[in-house]
């Protein structure tokens, strides 16, 4: 199996941030205790605060910034053609679901 380069790992990580669905984050905030957070997809959370009064504050990574960085990386690789751009935007419109 071919090892991924650092650049490919960064691209995959940015893709996860760009297409992150906050369902598990919302579930964690609503249900709280008793959830096994190891099974939740929380990679889109940039900051999490549990206040003394029990309220939860979550900040998420900037999806648009992740998309901008992805596009820059693809342009640098010469792989973002006009057709590739349209495919990418279609993917964004579907919320990253393949």
N, C-alpha and C. Protein backbone atom coordinates (compact mmCIF):
# COMPACT_ATOMS: atom_id res chain seq x y z
N UNK A 1 0.85 -1.18 0.00
CA UNK A 1 0.00 0.00 0.00
C UNK A 1 0.90 1.25 0.00
N UNK A 2 0.57 2.18 -0.83
CA UNK A 2 1.35 3.42 -0.94
C UNK A 2 1.05 4.34 0.24
N UNK A 3 2.10 4.87 0.83
CA UNK A 3 1.92 5.82 1.92
C UNK A 3 1.51 7.17 1.37
N UNK A 4 0.64 7.85 2.08
CA UNK A 4 0.20 9.18 1.68
C UNK A 4 1.29 10.19 1.98
N UNK A 5 1.40 11.17 1.11
CA UNK A 5 2.33 12.26 1.38
C UNK A 5 1.68 13.21 2.38
N UNK A 6 2.47 14.08 2.95
CA UNK A 6 1.93 15.08 3.87
C UNK A 6 0.88 15.93 3.21
N UNK A 7 1.11 16.27 1.93
CA UNK A 7 0.15 17.09 1.17
C UNK A 7 -1.19 16.38 1.03
N UNK A 8 -1.15 15.08 0.73
CA UNK A 8 -2.39 14.32 0.57
C UNK A 8 -3.15 14.22 1.88
N UNK A 9 -2.43 14.09 2.98
CA UNK A 9 -3.08 14.04 4.29
C UNK A 9 -3.77 15.37 4.60
N UNK A 10 -3.10 16.45 4.25
CA UNK A 10 -3.69 17.78 4.47
C UNK A 10 -4.95 17.94 3.63
N UNK A 11 -4.89 17.50 2.39
CA UNK A 11 -6.07 17.60 1.51
C UNK A 11 -7.22 16.79 2.08
N UNK A 12 -6.96 15.57 2.53
CA UNK A 12 -8.03 14.75 3.10
C UNK A 12 -8.61 15.40 4.36
N UNK A 13 -7.75 15.98 5.19
CA UNK A 13 -8.22 16.65 6.41
C UNK A 13 -9.08 17.87 6.06
N UNK A 14 -8.63 18.67 5.11
CA UNK A 14 -9.42 19.84 4.70
C UNK A 14 -10.76 19.41 4.11
N UNK A 15 -10.78 18.30 3.39
CA UNK A 15 -12.04 17.80 2.84
C UNK A 15 -12.99 17.42 3.97
N UNK A 16 -12.47 16.77 5.01
CA UNK A 16 -13.32 16.41 6.16
C UNK A 16 -13.89 17.66 6.82
N UNK A 17 -13.08 18.71 6.95
CA UNK A 17 -13.57 19.95 7.56
C UNK A 17 -14.58 20.65 6.67
N UNK A 18 -14.33 20.65 5.36
CA UNK A 18 -15.22 21.34 4.43
C UNK A 18 -16.60 20.69 4.37
N UNK A 19 -16.65 19.37 4.51
CA UNK A 19 -17.91 18.65 4.36
C UNK A 19 -18.43 18.07 5.66
N UNK A 20 -17.94 18.59 6.77
CA UNK A 20 -18.32 18.11 8.09
C UNK A 20 -19.81 18.31 8.35
N UNK A 21 -20.44 17.28 8.87
CA UNK A 21 -21.86 17.37 9.26
C UNK A 21 -21.91 17.43 10.78
N UNK A 22 -22.57 18.44 11.34
CA UNK A 22 -22.53 18.66 12.79
C UNK A 22 -23.51 17.79 13.59
N UNK A 23 -24.10 16.77 13.00
CA UNK A 23 -25.11 15.97 13.68
C UNK A 23 -24.64 15.44 15.04
N UNK A 24 -23.45 14.83 15.08
CA UNK A 24 -22.96 14.27 16.34
C UNK A 24 -22.63 15.38 17.35
N UNK A 25 -22.18 16.51 16.87
CA UNK A 25 -21.88 17.63 17.77
C UNK A 25 -23.16 18.11 18.45
N UNK A 26 -24.21 18.23 17.68
CA UNK A 26 -25.50 18.67 18.23
C UNK A 26 -26.04 17.62 19.19
N UNK A 27 -25.89 16.36 18.80
CA UNK A 27 -26.34 15.27 19.68
C UNK A 27 -25.60 15.32 21.01
N UNK A 28 -24.28 15.56 20.97
CA UNK A 28 -23.49 15.63 22.19
C UNK A 28 -23.95 16.80 23.06
N UNK A 29 -24.24 17.93 22.45
CA UNK A 29 -24.68 19.10 23.21
C UNK A 29 -26.06 18.87 23.83
N UNK A 30 -26.93 18.17 23.13
CA UNK A 30 -28.30 17.97 23.60
C UNK A 30 -28.39 16.84 24.64
N UNK A 31 -27.70 15.73 24.38
CA UNK A 31 -27.82 14.58 25.26
C UNK A 31 -26.79 14.56 26.37
N UNK A 32 -25.60 15.08 26.06
CA UNK A 32 -24.56 15.20 27.08
C UNK A 32 -24.07 13.89 27.64
N UNK A 33 -24.29 13.70 28.91
CA UNK A 33 -23.74 12.55 29.63
C UNK A 33 -24.25 11.23 29.07
N UNK A 34 -23.39 10.23 29.21
CA UNK A 34 -23.79 8.89 28.80
C UNK A 34 -23.41 8.54 27.38
N UNK A 35 -23.01 9.51 26.59
CA UNK A 35 -22.59 9.23 25.22
C UNK A 35 -21.14 8.80 25.19
N UNK A 36 -20.83 7.84 24.34
CA UNK A 36 -19.45 7.43 24.13
C UNK A 36 -18.87 8.33 23.05
N UNK A 37 -18.15 9.39 23.45
CA UNK A 37 -17.68 10.37 22.47
C UNK A 37 -16.66 9.79 21.51
N UNK A 38 -16.08 8.64 21.86
CA UNK A 38 -15.13 8.00 20.95
C UNK A 38 -15.82 7.53 19.66
N UNK A 39 -17.12 7.39 19.69
CA UNK A 39 -17.87 6.92 18.53
C UNK A 39 -18.49 8.07 17.72
N UNK A 40 -18.31 9.30 18.20
CA UNK A 40 -18.91 10.45 17.55
C UNK A 40 -17.92 11.11 16.59
N UNK A 41 -18.43 11.72 15.54
CA UNK A 41 -17.62 12.45 14.58
C UNK A 41 -17.63 13.92 15.00
N UNK A 42 -16.54 14.34 15.64
CA UNK A 42 -16.46 15.67 16.22
C UNK A 42 -15.33 16.50 15.62
N UNK A 43 -14.76 16.05 14.52
CA UNK A 43 -13.58 16.72 13.96
C UNK A 43 -13.84 18.14 13.49
N UNK A 44 -15.07 18.54 13.31
CA UNK A 44 -15.37 19.89 12.85
C UNK A 44 -15.41 20.93 13.96
N UNK A 45 -15.31 20.48 15.22
CA UNK A 45 -15.38 21.41 16.34
C UNK A 45 -14.00 22.04 16.55
N UNK A 46 -13.97 23.37 16.51
CA UNK A 46 -12.73 24.09 16.76
C UNK A 46 -12.58 24.42 18.24
N UNK A 47 -13.70 24.63 18.92
CA UNK A 47 -13.67 25.02 20.33
C UNK A 47 -14.93 24.50 21.01
N UNK A 48 -14.77 24.01 22.23
CA UNK A 48 -15.89 23.48 23.00
C UNK A 48 -15.78 24.01 24.42
N UNK A 49 -16.88 24.60 24.91
CA UNK A 49 -16.89 25.11 26.29
C UNK A 49 -18.16 24.64 26.99
N UNK A 50 -17.98 24.13 28.17
CA UNK A 50 -19.10 23.77 29.03
C UNK A 50 -19.09 24.77 30.18
N UNK A 51 -20.11 25.62 30.21
CA UNK A 51 -20.18 26.69 31.19
C UNK A 51 -20.64 26.14 32.55
N UNK A 52 -20.37 26.89 33.61
CA UNK A 52 -20.75 26.49 34.97
C UNK A 52 -22.26 26.31 35.12
N UNK A 53 -23.03 27.08 34.33
CA UNK A 53 -24.49 26.97 34.42
C UNK A 53 -25.06 25.84 33.56
N UNK A 54 -24.18 25.06 32.93
CA UNK A 54 -24.62 23.90 32.16
C UNK A 54 -24.80 24.15 30.67
N UNK A 55 -24.66 25.38 30.23
CA UNK A 55 -24.79 25.64 28.80
C UNK A 55 -23.52 25.21 28.06
N UNK A 56 -23.70 24.89 26.81
CA UNK A 56 -22.60 24.42 25.97
C UNK A 56 -22.38 25.42 24.85
N UNK A 57 -21.12 25.74 24.60
CA UNK A 57 -20.77 26.62 23.49
C UNK A 57 -19.80 25.87 22.58
N UNK A 58 -20.14 25.80 21.30
CA UNK A 58 -19.28 25.15 20.32
C UNK A 58 -18.99 26.10 19.18
N UNK A 59 -17.75 26.11 18.76
CA UNK A 59 -17.36 26.87 17.57
C UNK A 59 -16.81 25.85 16.59
N UNK A 60 -17.18 26.03 15.32
CA UNK A 60 -16.78 25.10 14.29
C UNK A 60 -15.72 25.72 13.38
N UNK A 61 -14.93 24.85 12.76
CA UNK A 61 -13.96 25.33 11.79
C UNK A 61 -14.67 26.00 10.63
N UNK A 62 -14.04 26.95 10.00
CA UNK A 62 -14.59 27.71 8.89
C UNK A 62 -14.56 26.86 7.61
N UNK A 63 -15.73 26.43 7.16
CA UNK A 63 -15.83 25.59 5.96
C UNK A 63 -15.35 26.31 4.71
N UNK A 64 -15.73 27.58 4.61
CA UNK A 64 -15.33 28.33 3.42
C UNK A 64 -13.82 28.46 3.32
N UNK A 65 -13.17 28.65 4.45
CA UNK A 65 -11.71 28.74 4.45
C UNK A 65 -11.11 27.39 4.04
N UNK A 66 -11.67 26.31 4.52
CA UNK A 66 -11.19 24.98 4.14
C UNK A 66 -11.35 24.76 2.64
N UNK A 67 -12.47 25.20 2.08
CA UNK A 67 -12.70 25.07 0.64
C UNK A 67 -11.70 25.92 -0.14
N UNK A 68 -11.47 27.16 0.33
CA UNK A 68 -10.49 28.02 -0.33
C UNK A 68 -9.11 27.37 -0.35
N UNK A 69 -8.69 26.82 0.79
CA UNK A 69 -7.39 26.17 0.86
C UNK A 69 -7.32 24.94 -0.03
N UNK A 70 -8.40 24.18 -0.07
CA UNK A 70 -8.45 23.01 -0.96
C UNK A 70 -8.28 23.42 -2.42
N UNK A 71 -8.98 24.46 -2.79
CA UNK A 71 -8.90 24.92 -4.18
C UNK A 71 -7.50 25.41 -4.51
N UNK A 72 -6.86 26.10 -3.57
CA UNK A 72 -5.49 26.55 -3.79
C UNK A 72 -4.54 25.37 -3.97
N UNK A 73 -4.69 24.36 -3.14
CA UNK A 73 -3.84 23.17 -3.24
C UNK A 73 -4.05 22.45 -4.57
N UNK A 74 -5.30 22.35 -4.99
CA UNK A 74 -5.58 21.68 -6.26
C UNK A 74 -5.05 22.49 -7.44
N UNK A 75 -5.16 23.80 -7.37
CA UNK A 75 -4.63 24.65 -8.43
C UNK A 75 -3.11 24.51 -8.51
N UNK A 76 -2.46 24.47 -7.34
CA UNK A 76 -1.00 24.30 -7.30
C UNK A 76 -0.58 22.97 -7.93
N UNK A 77 -1.39 21.95 -7.75
CA UNK A 77 -1.09 20.64 -8.33
C UNK A 77 -1.47 20.58 -9.80
N UNK A 78 -2.18 21.60 -10.29
CA UNK A 78 -2.60 21.62 -11.68
C UNK A 78 -3.75 20.67 -11.97
N UNK A 79 -4.47 20.27 -10.93
CA UNK A 79 -5.54 19.30 -11.11
C UNK A 79 -6.94 19.92 -11.09
N UNK A 80 -7.01 21.21 -10.89
CA UNK A 80 -8.33 21.84 -10.80
C UNK A 80 -8.65 22.48 -12.15
N UNK A 81 -9.16 21.67 -13.04
CA UNK A 81 -9.57 22.18 -14.34
C UNK A 81 -10.96 22.77 -14.21
N UNK A 82 -11.48 23.32 -15.29
CA UNK A 82 -12.84 23.87 -15.26
C UNK A 82 -13.83 22.77 -14.90
N UNK A 83 -13.68 21.59 -15.51
CA UNK A 83 -14.55 20.46 -15.18
C UNK A 83 -14.36 20.01 -13.74
N UNK A 84 -13.10 20.02 -13.29
CA UNK A 84 -12.80 19.64 -11.91
C UNK A 84 -13.41 20.62 -10.92
N UNK A 85 -13.39 21.88 -11.27
CA UNK A 85 -14.00 22.90 -10.41
C UNK A 85 -15.50 22.66 -10.31
N UNK A 86 -16.15 22.36 -11.43
CA UNK A 86 -17.59 22.10 -11.41
C UNK A 86 -17.91 20.87 -10.56
N UNK A 87 -17.10 19.81 -10.70
CA UNK A 87 -17.31 18.61 -9.89
C UNK A 87 -17.15 18.93 -8.40
N UNK A 88 -16.15 19.75 -8.09
CA UNK A 88 -15.91 20.13 -6.71
C UNK A 88 -17.10 20.92 -6.15
N UNK A 89 -17.59 21.88 -6.91
CA UNK A 89 -18.72 22.68 -6.46
C UNK A 89 -19.99 21.85 -6.34
N UNK A 90 -20.15 20.87 -7.22
CA UNK A 90 -21.29 19.95 -7.12
C UNK A 90 -21.21 19.17 -5.81
N UNK A 91 -20.00 18.73 -5.46
CA UNK A 91 -19.78 17.99 -4.22
C UNK A 91 -20.11 18.86 -3.01
N UNK A 92 -19.70 20.11 -3.04
CA UNK A 92 -20.01 21.04 -1.95
C UNK A 92 -21.54 21.20 -1.84
N UNK A 93 -22.22 21.31 -2.97
CA UNK A 93 -23.67 21.46 -2.97
C UNK A 93 -24.40 20.27 -2.38
N UNK A 94 -23.80 19.08 -2.51
CA UNK A 94 -24.40 17.86 -1.95
C UNK A 94 -24.00 17.67 -0.50
N UNK A 95 -23.21 18.55 0.04
CA UNK A 95 -22.79 18.43 1.43
C UNK A 95 -21.70 17.41 1.62
N UNK A 96 -20.99 17.07 0.53
CA UNK A 96 -19.88 16.14 0.64
C UNK A 96 -20.27 14.69 0.59
N UNK A 97 -21.54 14.39 0.38
CA UNK A 97 -21.97 13.02 0.30
C UNK A 97 -21.67 12.45 -1.07
N UNK A 98 -21.01 11.32 -1.09
CA UNK A 98 -20.67 10.69 -2.35
C UNK A 98 -21.75 9.76 -2.82
